[in-house]
PDB file of N, CA and C in Angstrom:
ATOM      1  N   MET A   1     -14.776  -3.448  -1.406  1.00  0.00           N
ATOM      2  CA  MET A   1     -14.464  -4.959  -1.658  1.00  0.00           C
ATOM      3  C   MET A   1     -15.610  -6.101  -2.486  1.00  0.00           C
ATOM      4  N   GLU A   2     -15.882  -6.708  -1.226  1.00  0.00           N
ATOM      5  CA  GLU A   2     -16.354  -7.453  -1.449  1.00  0.00           C
ATOM      6  C   GLU A   2     -17.472  -7.179  -2.220  1.00  0.00           C
ATOM      7  N   TYR A   3     -18.318  -5.808  -2.006  1.00  0.00           N
ATOM      8  CA  TYR A   3     -19.733  -5.217  -3.415  1.00  0.00           C
ATOM      9  C   TYR A   3     -19.001  -5.101  -5.118  1.00  0.00           C
ATOM     10  N   LEU A   4     -18.014  -5.114  -4.493  1.00  0.00           N
ATOM     11  CA  LEU A   4     -17.881  -5.115  -5.971  1.00  0.00           C
ATOM     12  C   LEU A   4     -17.147  -5.910  -6.566  1.00  0.00           C
ATOM     13  N   ASN A   5     -17.402  -7.314  -5.528  1.00  0.00           N
ATOM     14  CA  ASN A   5     -17.357  -9.090  -6.730  1.00  0.00           C
ATOM     15  C   ASN A   5     -14.991  -9.036  -6.641  1.00  0.00           C
ATOM     16  N   ASN A   6     -15.037  -7.903  -5.472  1.00  0.00           N
ATOM     17  CA  ASN A   6     -13.172  -8.424  -5.155  1.00  0.00           C
ATOM     18  C   ASN A   6     -13.298  -9.728  -3.681  1.00  0.00           C
ATOM     19  N   GLU A   7     -11.981  -9.949  -4.527  1.00  0.00           N
ATOM     20  CA  GLU A   7     -12.084 -10.786  -2.627  1.00  0.00           C
ATOM     21  C   GLU A   7     -11.126  -9.838  -1.687  1.00  0.00           C
ATOM     22  N   SER A   8     -11.923 -10.484  -0.456  1.00  0.00           N
ATOM     23  CA  SER A   8     -11.303  -9.368   0.906  1.00  0.00           C
ATOM     24  C   SER A   8      -9.859  -9.202   1.468  1.00  0.00           C
ATOM     25  N   VAL A   9      -9.199  -8.179   1.423  1.00  0.00           N
ATOM     26  CA  VAL A   9      -8.188  -8.305   1.770  1.00  0.00           C
ATOM     27  C   VAL A   9      -8.023  -8.407   3.242  1.00  0.00           C
ATOM     28  N   ILE A  10      -7.424  -8.789   4.192  1.00  0.00           N
ATOM     29  CA  ILE A  10      -7.063  -8.103   5.880  1.00  0.00           C
ATOM     30  C   ILE A  10      -6.149  -7.250   5.791  1.00  0.00           C
ATOM     31  N   PHE A  11      -6.944  -5.823   6.441  1.00  0.00           N
ATOM     32  CA  PHE A  11      -5.831  -5.591   6.108  1.00  0.00           C
ATOM     33  C   PHE A  11      -4.186  -5.494   7.278  1.00  0.00           C
ATOM     34  N   GLU A  12      -3.472  -6.307   8.679  1.00  0.00           N
ATOM     35  CA  GLU A  12      -2.964  -6.322   8.617  1.00  0.00           C
ATOM     36  C   GLU A  12      -1.423  -6.862   7.509  1.00  0.00           C
ATOM     37  N   ASP A  13      -2.434  -7.334   6.721  1.00  0.00           N
ATOM     38  CA  ASP A  13      -1.744  -8.431   4.863  1.00  0.00           C
ATOM     39  C   ASP A  13      -1.610  -6.946   4.167  1.00  0.00           C
ATOM     40  N   ILE A  14      -2.472  -5.742   4.007  1.00  0.00           N
ATOM     41  CA  ILE A  14      -2.164  -4.565   3.302  1.00  0.00           C
ATOM     42  C   ILE A  14      -0.992  -3.909   4.433  1.00  0.00           C
ATOM     43  N   MET A  15      -1.679  -3.586   5.681  1.00  0.00           N
ATOM     44  CA  MET A  15      -0.217  -3.506   6.366  1.00  0.00           C
ATOM     45  C   MET A  15       0.847  -3.665   5.825  1.00  0.00           C
ATOM     46  N   CYS A  16       1.677  -5.643   6.343  1.00  0.00           N
ATOM     47  CA  CYS A  16       2.358  -5.646   6.226  1.00  0.00           C
ATOM     48  C   CYS A  16       3.340  -5.506   5.066  1.00  0.00           C
ATOM     49  N   GLN A  17       2.491  -5.219   3.596  1.00  0.00           N
ATOM     50  CA  GLN A  17       2.587  -4.825   2.119  1.00  0.00           C
ATOM     51  C   GLN A  17       3.533  -3.457   2.337  1.00  0.00           C
ATOM     52  N   MET A  18       3.109  -3.130   2.984  1.00  0.00           N
ATOM     53  CA  MET A  18       3.279  -1.233   2.484  1.00  0.00           C
ATOM     54  C   MET A  18       4.179  -1.140   3.621  1.00  0.00           C
ATOM     55  N   SER A  19       3.840  -2.155   4.659  1.00  0.00           N
ATOM     56  CA  SER A  19       5.670  -1.767   5.453  1.00  0.00           C
ATOM     57  C   SER A  19       7.219  -1.632   4.710  1.00  0.00           C
ATOM     58  N   ASP A  20       6.591  -3.333   4.008  1.00  0.00           N
ATOM     59  CA  ASP A  20       7.743  -3.390   2.821  1.00  0.00           C
ATOM     60  C   ASP A  20       7.808  -3.102   1.384  1.00  0.00           C
ATOM     61  N   MET A  21       7.261  -1.692   1.321  1.00  0.00           N
ATOM     62  CA  MET A  21       7.287  -1.430   0.406  1.00  0.00           C
ATOM     63  C   MET A  21       8.028   0.240   0.574  1.00  0.00           C
ATOM     64  N   VAL A  22       7.561   0.278   2.089  1.00  0.00           N
ATOM     65  CA  VAL A  22       7.389   1.915   1.763  1.00  0.00           C
ATOM     66  C   VAL A  22       9.384   1.516   2.965  1.00  0.00           C
ATOM     67  N   LYS A  23      10.079   0.658   3.872  1.00  0.00           N
ATOM     68  CA  LYS A  23      10.557   0.429   4.670  1.00  0.00           C
ATOM     69  C   LYS A  23      10.802   1.086   5.404  1.00  0.00           C
ATOM     70  N   PRO A  24      10.322   1.521   6.557  1.00  0.00           N
ATOM     71  CA  PRO A  24      10.323   1.699   7.725  1.00  0.00           C
ATOM     72  C   PRO A  24      11.425   2.206   8.597  1.00  0.00           C
ATOM     73  N   ALA A  25      12.470   3.175   9.331  1.00  0.00           N
ATOM     74  CA  ALA A  25      13.712   2.950   9.704  1.00  0.00           C
ATOM     75  C   ALA A  25      12.959   1.881  10.803  1.00  0.00           C
ATOM     76  N   LYS A  26      11.977   2.210  11.304  1.00  0.00           N
ATOM     77  CA  LYS A  26      11.545   1.257  12.869  1.00  0.00           C
ATOM     78  C   LYS A  26       9.775   0.655  11.918  1.00  0.00           C
ATOM     79  N   SER A  27      10.078  -0.596  12.450  1.00  0.00           N
ATOM     80  CA  SER A  27       9.412  -1.239  12.087  1.00  0.00           C
ATOM     81  C   SER A  27       7.419  -0.955  12.289  1.00  0.00           C
ATOM     82  N   MET A  28       6.973  -0.849  11.525  1.00  0.00           N
ATOM     83  CA  MET A  28       5.356  -0.202  10.913  1.00  0.00           C
ATOM     84  C   MET A  28       5.062   0.623  12.407  1.00  0.00           C
ATOM     85  N   ASN A  29       6.007   1.924  12.214  1.00  0.00           N
ATOM     86  CA  ASN A  29       5.969   3.114  12.301  1.00  0.00           C
ATOM     87  C   ASN A  29       6.931   4.354  11.095  1.00  0.00           C
ATOM     88  N   PHE A  30       5.753   4.546  10.516  1.00  0.00           N
ATOM     89  CA  PHE A  30       6.144   5.598   9.361  1.00  0.00           C
ATOM     90  C   PHE A  30       6.239   6.808   9.543  1.00  0.00           C
ATOM     91  N   THR A  31       7.404   7.606   9.184  1.00  0.00           N
ATOM     92  CA  THR A  31       7.949   9.464   9.238  1.00  0.00           C
ATOM     93  C   THR A  31       7.354   9.640   8.150  1.00  0.00           C
ATOM     94  N   MET A  32       7.725  10.651   8.262  1.00  0.00           N
ATOM     95  CA  MET A  32       7.869  11.582   6.689  1.00  0.00           C
ATOM     96  C   MET A  32       8.448  11.661   6.394  1.00  0.00           C
ATOM     97  N   ALA A  33      10.209  10.965   6.971  1.00  0.00           N
ATOM     98  CA  ALA A  33      11.680  10.792   6.110  1.00  0.00           C
ATOM     99  C   ALA A  33      11.656   9.336   5.172  1.00  0.00           C
ATOM    100  N   ASP A  34      10.669   8.420   5.509  1.00  0.00           N
ATOM    101  CA  ASP A  34      10.807   7.316   5.254  1.00  0.00           C
ATOM    102  C   ASP A  34       9.524   7.716   3.675  1.00  0.00           C
ATOM    103  N   PHE A  35       8.822   8.150   3.580  1.00  0.00           N
ATOM    104  CA  PHE A  35       8.614   8.808   2.661  1.00  0.00           C
ATOM    105  C   PHE A  35       9.137   9.844   1.594  1.00  0.00           C
ATOM    106  N   ARG A  36       9.820  10.424   2.221  1.00  0.00           N
ATOM    107  CA  ARG A  36       9.994  10.926   1.076  1.00  0.00           C
ATOM    108  C   ARG A  36      11.339  10.600   1.159  1.00  0.00           C
ATOM    109  N   LYS A  37      11.801   9.437   1.383  1.00  0.00           N
ATOM    110  CA  LYS A  37      13.260   8.005   0.789  1.00  0.00           C
ATOM    111  C   LYS A  37      12.488   8.016  -0.438  1.00  0.00           C
ATOM    112  N   ASN A  38      10.694   7.721  -0.828  1.00  0.00           N
ATOM    113  CA  ASN A  38      11.016   7.098  -2.153  1.00  0.00           C
ATOM    114  C   ASN A  38       9.612   7.614  -2.207  1.00  0.00           C
ATOM    115  N   LYS A  39       9.451   8.335  -3.206  1.00  0.00           N
ATOM    116  CA  LYS A  39       8.215   9.290  -3.653  1.00  0.00           C
ATOM    117  C   LYS A  39       6.605   8.207  -4.141  1.00  0.00           C
ATOM    118  N   ASP A  40       6.906   7.218  -4.925  1.00  0.00           N
ATOM    119  CA  ASP A  40       6.371   6.635  -5.342  1.00  0.00           C
ATOM    120  C   ASP A  40       5.613   5.638  -4.599  1.00  0.00           C
ATOM    121  N   SER A  41       6.355   5.415  -3.901  1.00  0.00           N
ATOM    122  CA  SER A  41       5.753   4.359  -2.633  1.00  0.00           C
ATOM    123  C   SER A  41       5.751   5.460  -1.305  1.00  0.00           C
ATOM    124  N   ALA A  42       4.857   6.126  -1.496  1.00  0.00           N
ATOM    125  CA  ALA A  42       4.350   7.596  -0.191  1.00  0.00           C
ATOM    126  C   ALA A  42       2.799   7.301  -1.170  1.00  0.00           C
ATOM    127  N   ALA A  43       3.219   7.134  -2.385  1.00  0.00           N
ATOM    128  CA  ALA A  43       1.841   7.480  -3.164  1.00  0.00           C
ATOM    129  C   ALA A  43       1.245   6.435  -3.021  1.00  0.00           C
ATOM    130  N   ALA A  44       1.442   5.219  -3.348  1.00  0.00           N
ATOM    131  CA  ALA A  44       0.740   4.229  -3.516  1.00  0.00           C
ATOM    132  C   ALA A  44      -0.305   3.495  -1.903  1.00  0.00           C
ATOM    133  N   PHE A  45       1.189   3.762  -0.846  1.00  0.00           N
ATOM    134  CA  PHE A  45       0.508   4.060   0.778  1.00  0.00           C
ATOM    135  C   PHE A  45      -0.601   4.471   0.823  1.00  0.00           C
ATOM    136  N   PHE A  46      -0.692   6.212   0.749  1.00  0.00           N
ATOM    137  CA  PHE A  46      -1.821   6.436   0.741  1.00  0.00           C
ATOM    138  C   PHE A  46      -2.984   6.072  -0.089  1.00  0.00           C
ATOM    139  N   ASN A  47      -2.861   5.794  -1.563  1.00  0.00           N
ATOM    140  CA  ASN A  47      -4.085   5.550  -1.843  1.00  0.00           C
ATOM    141  C   ASN A  47      -4.585   4.238  -1.590  1.00  0.00           C
ATOM    142  N   SER A  48      -3.895   3.161  -1.108  1.00  0.00           N
ATOM    143  CA  SER A  48      -4.089   1.805  -0.367  1.00  0.00           C
ATOM    144  C   SER A  48      -5.007   2.287   0.296  1.00  0.00           C
ATOM    145  N   LEU A  49      -4.481   3.275   1.318  1.00  0.00           N
ATOM    146  CA  LEU A  49      -5.514   3.737   2.714  1.00  0.00           C
ATOM    147  C   LEU A  49      -6.398   4.442   2.448  1.00  0.00           C
ATOM    148  N   VAL A  50      -6.495   4.771   0.686  1.00  0.00           N
ATOM    149  CA  VAL A  50      -7.887   6.289   1.076  1.00  0.00           C
ATOM    150  C   VAL A  50      -8.727   5.662  -0.223  1.00  0.00           C
ATOM    151  N   ASN A  51      -8.242   5.459  -0.930  1.00  0.00           N
ATOM    152  CA  ASN A  51      -8.555   5.411  -2.736  1.00  0.00           C
ATOM    153  C   ASN A  51      -8.286   3.966  -2.923  1.00  0.00           C
ATOM    154  N   LEU A  52     -10.005   3.235  -2.881  1.00  0.00           N
ATOM    155  CA  LEU A  52     -10.350   1.807  -3.290  1.00  0.00           C
ATOM    156  C   LEU A  52      -9.709   1.632  -4.984  1.00  0.00           C
ATOM    157  N   ASN A  53     -10.293   2.308  -5.768  1.00  0.00           N
ATOM    158  CA  ASN A  53     -10.257   2.349  -6.171  1.00  0.00           C
ATOM    159  C   ASN A  53      -8.416   2.068  -7.249  1.00  0.00           C
ATOM    160  N   LYS A  54      -7.597   3.219  -6.345  1.00  0.00           N
ATOM    161  CA  LYS A  54      -6.620   2.939  -6.837  1.00  0.00           C
ATOM    162  C   LYS A  54      -5.344   1.682  -6.108  1.00  0.00           C
ATOM    163  N   PHE A  55      -6.605   0.945  -4.544  1.00  0.00           N
ATOM    164  CA  PHE A  55      -5.569   0.049  -4.088  1.00  0.00           C
ATOM    165  C   PHE A  55      -5.555  -1.496  -4.483  1.00  0.00           C
ATOM    166  N   ILE A  56      -7.330  -1.203  -5.824  1.00  0.00           N
ATOM    167  CA  ILE A  56      -7.528  -2.132  -6.650  1.00  0.00           C
ATOM    168  C   ILE A  56      -6.620  -2.403  -7.607  1.00  0.00           C
ATOM    169  N   ALA A  57      -6.541  -0.997  -8.372  1.00  0.00           N
ATOM    170  CA  ALA A  57      -5.296  -1.447  -9.238  1.00  0.00           C
ATOM    171  C   ALA A  57      -4.472  -1.536  -9.515  1.00  0.00           C
ATOM    172  N   PHE A  58      -4.041  -1.234  -7.930  1.00  0.00           N
ATOM    173  CA  PHE A  58      -2.341  -1.286  -7.641  1.00  0.00           C
ATOM    174  C   PHE A  58      -2.243  -2.773  -6.791  1.00  0.00           C
ATOM    175  N   GLU A  59      -3.049  -3.735  -6.246  1.00  0.00           N
ATOM    176  CA  GLU A  59      -3.117  -5.401  -6.078  1.00  0.00           C
ATOM    177  C   GLU A  59      -3.331  -5.622  -7.809  1.00  0.00           C
ATOM    178  N   GLN A  60      -3.969  -5.271  -8.669  1.00  0.00           N
ATOM    179  CA  GLN A  60      -3.734  -6.464  -9.541  1.00  0.00           C
ATOM    180  C   GLN A  60      -3.159  -5.762 -10.950  1.00  0.00           C
ATOM    181  N   ARG A  61      -2.664  -4.857 -10.444  1.00  0.00           N
ATOM    182  CA  ARG A  61      -0.984  -4.444 -11.129  1.00  0.00           C
ATOM    183  C   ARG A  61      -0.060  -6.202 -11.504  1.00  0.00           C
ATOM    184  N   ASP A  62       0.392  -5.520 -12.593  1.00  0.00           N
ATOM    185  CA  ASP A  62       1.641  -6.815 -13.183  1.00  0.00           C
ATOM    186  C   ASP A  62       3.104  -6.115 -12.451  1.00  0.00           C
ATOM    187  N   PRO A  63       3.393  -6.858 -11.466  1.00  0.00           N
ATOM    188  CA  PRO A  63       4.470  -6.737 -10.279  1.00  0.00           C
ATOM    189  C   PRO A  63       5.775  -6.834 -11.329  1.00  0.00           C
ATOM    190  N   PHE A  64       5.579  -7.095 -12.738  1.00  0.00           N
ATOM    191  CA  PHE A  64       7.252  -7.064 -13.564  1.00  0.00           C
ATOM    192  C   PHE A  64       7.405  -5.818 -13.929  1.00  0.00           C
ATOM    193  N   GLN A  65       6.055  -4.707 -14.613  1.00  0.00           N
ATOM    194  CA  GLN A  65       6.606  -4.220 -15.549  1.00  0.00           C
ATOM    195  C   GLN A  65       7.837  -2.951 -15.213  1.00  0.00           C
TER     196      GLN A  65
END
C-alpha cells in the first residue's frame, strides 16, 4: 500500500473490521454459514484479503451510500 502512496493498515484492524462486518457466530472464527448469511459481506471480506485494488476501493468508499 505504501508503494501506491496509501497509508498502511494494520492487519489486526482489518480483521476486526471484517469480523464486525461478517458477524461470525464465534469471534474471529469464520465459517461458511457466516458467509452465506450475507453474500455482500463475504465478497468484501475475501476481496480485502486477496485483491489490493478492491480493498483500497472498499476502504475509500462513502459509508453512507
